[in-house]
Amino acid sequence: MSWPEIRTIFPSSSSFRLACKAFPFKDLRMPTKITARANGPYIVEGECELVDSTGQKVDLKGKTLFALCRCGGSLTKPFCDGQHSKLGFKAAEAAVVASAKKP
């Protein structure tokens, strides 16, 4: 079975793109889940490939659980280092639903 490639573009404060590619065998694939923590980072769980804005792969060292910065203040970008707490970062409460295009 062929699985689609999932691409999520992160906010402009982070010029990284997460490209999660499925493996050919469903039973061997660990599903990828991205969770936005309240006023904190994106938590990424599962097998994926992280690519920077120049197309270079970021070495995840085999990790299948990590946090990506979304406040823009991390000194270890694209990864979270806890700076959001010191900066008082406030994120949107929930995902914004795209409104229908008006004619």
Protein backbone atom coordinates (compact mmCIF):
# COMPACT_ATOMS: atom_id res chain seq x y z
CA MET A 1 0.00 0.00 0.00
CA SER A 2 1.30 3.46 -0.89
CA TRP A 3 1.15 6.11 1.83
CA PRO A 4 1.10 9.82 0.97
CA GLU A 5 3.90 12.10 2.01
CA ILE A 6 2.91 14.51 4.74
CA ARG A 7 4.37 17.99 4.74
CA THR A 8 3.79 20.57 7.42
CA ILE A 9 5.18 24.07 7.09
CA PHE A 10 6.06 25.63 10.42
CA PRO A 11 5.65 29.35 11.21
CA SER A 12 7.96 31.88 9.55
CA SER A 13 9.87 32.27 12.82
CA SER A 14 11.21 28.83 12.01
CA SER A 15 12.33 28.17 8.45
CA PHE A 16 12.22 24.44 8.83
CA ARG A 17 9.96 22.00 7.09
CA LEU A 18 9.01 18.68 8.53
CA ALA A 19 8.63 16.04 5.87
CA CYS A 20 7.26 12.80 7.26
CA LYS A 21 7.50 9.93 4.84
CA ALA A 22 5.71 6.65 5.32
CA PHE A 23 7.47 3.32 5.05
CA PRO A 24 6.26 0.72 2.55
CA PHE A 25 4.96 -1.67 5.21
CA LYS A 26 2.14 -0.42 7.39
CA ASP A 27 3.02 -2.79 10.24
CA LEU A 28 6.58 -1.41 10.50
CA ARG A 29 5.66 2.27 10.37
CA MET A 30 5.41 4.32 13.54
CA PRO A 31 2.65 6.92 12.99
CA THR A 32 3.77 10.55 13.19
CA LYS A 33 1.90 12.86 15.54
CA ILE A 34 2.61 16.58 16.00
CA THR A 35 1.12 18.23 19.08
CA ALA A 36 1.22 21.96 19.85
CA ARG A 37 1.83 22.36 23.59
CA ALA A 38 0.04 25.25 25.30
CA ASN A 39 2.43 28.24 25.09
CA GLY A 40 5.23 25.83 24.28
CA PRO A 41 6.86 23.82 21.50
CA TYR A 42 5.58 21.40 18.88
CA ILE A 43 6.05 17.86 20.18
CA VAL A 44 6.85 15.45 17.34
CA GLU A 45 6.29 11.75 17.97
CA GLY A 46 7.09 9.14 15.33
CA GLU A 47 9.46 8.49 12.49
CA CYS A 48 10.11 11.47 10.26
CA GLU A 49 12.72 13.45 8.38
CA LEU A 50 13.49 17.07 9.28
CA VAL A 51 14.80 19.27 6.47
CA ASP A 52 16.07 22.86 6.82
CA SER A 53 15.36 25.75 4.44
CA THR A 54 18.40 24.85 2.31
CA GLY A 55 17.24 21.26 1.83
CA GLN A 56 19.78 19.77 4.24
CA LYS A 57 18.59 16.98 6.51
CA VAL A 58 18.78 17.71 10.24
CA ASP A 59 20.38 14.82 12.14
CA LEU A 60 17.75 13.49 14.55
CA LYS A 61 20.15 10.81 15.83
CA GLY A 62 17.38 8.21 15.50
CA LYS A 63 15.05 10.08 17.85
CA THR A 64 11.33 9.49 17.40
CA LEU A 65 10.30 12.02 20.08
CA PHE A 66 11.52 15.63 20.12
CA ALA A 67 10.31 19.22 20.55
CA LEU A 68 10.48 21.93 17.87
CA CYS A 69 10.67 25.61 18.81
CA ARG A 70 7.71 27.76 17.84
CA CYS A 71 8.49 30.89 19.86
CA GLY A 72 11.56 31.79 17.79
CA GLY A 73 13.76 32.25 20.87
CA SER A 74 15.54 28.91 21.06
CA LEU A 75 19.34 28.91 20.87
CA THR A 76 19.23 25.32 19.57
CA LYS A 77 16.82 25.86 16.64
CA PRO A 78 14.96 24.08 15.25
CA PHE A 79 14.73 22.30 18.60
CA CYS A 80 13.13 23.75 21.74
CA ASP A 81 15.42 24.70 24.62
CA GLY A 82 12.77 26.11 26.98
CA GLN A 83 13.24 29.78 26.06
CA HIS A 84 9.46 30.14 25.57
CA SER A 85 9.06 30.12 29.36
CA LYS A 86 11.62 32.88 29.86
CA LEU A 87 10.18 34.97 27.00
CA GLY A 88 6.58 34.65 28.14
CA PHE A 89 5.55 33.20 24.77
CA LYS A 90 1.78 33.10 24.28
CA ALA A 91 0.45 30.86 21.53
CA ALA A 92 -2.96 30.74 19.94
CA GLU A 93 -5.38 28.72 22.07
CA ALA A 94 -6.42 26.43 19.25
CA ALA A 95 -5.99 25.87 15.54
CA VAL A 96 -7.55 28.53 13.35
CA VAL A 97 -10.21 27.25 11.00
CA ALA A 98 -9.72 28.59 7.48
CA SER A 99 -12.66 30.72 6.42
CA ALA A 100 -14.41 30.11 3.11
CA LYS A 101 -13.29 32.32 0.24
CA LYS A 102 -15.68 35.14 -0.50
CA PRO A 103 -16.55 35.87 -4.15
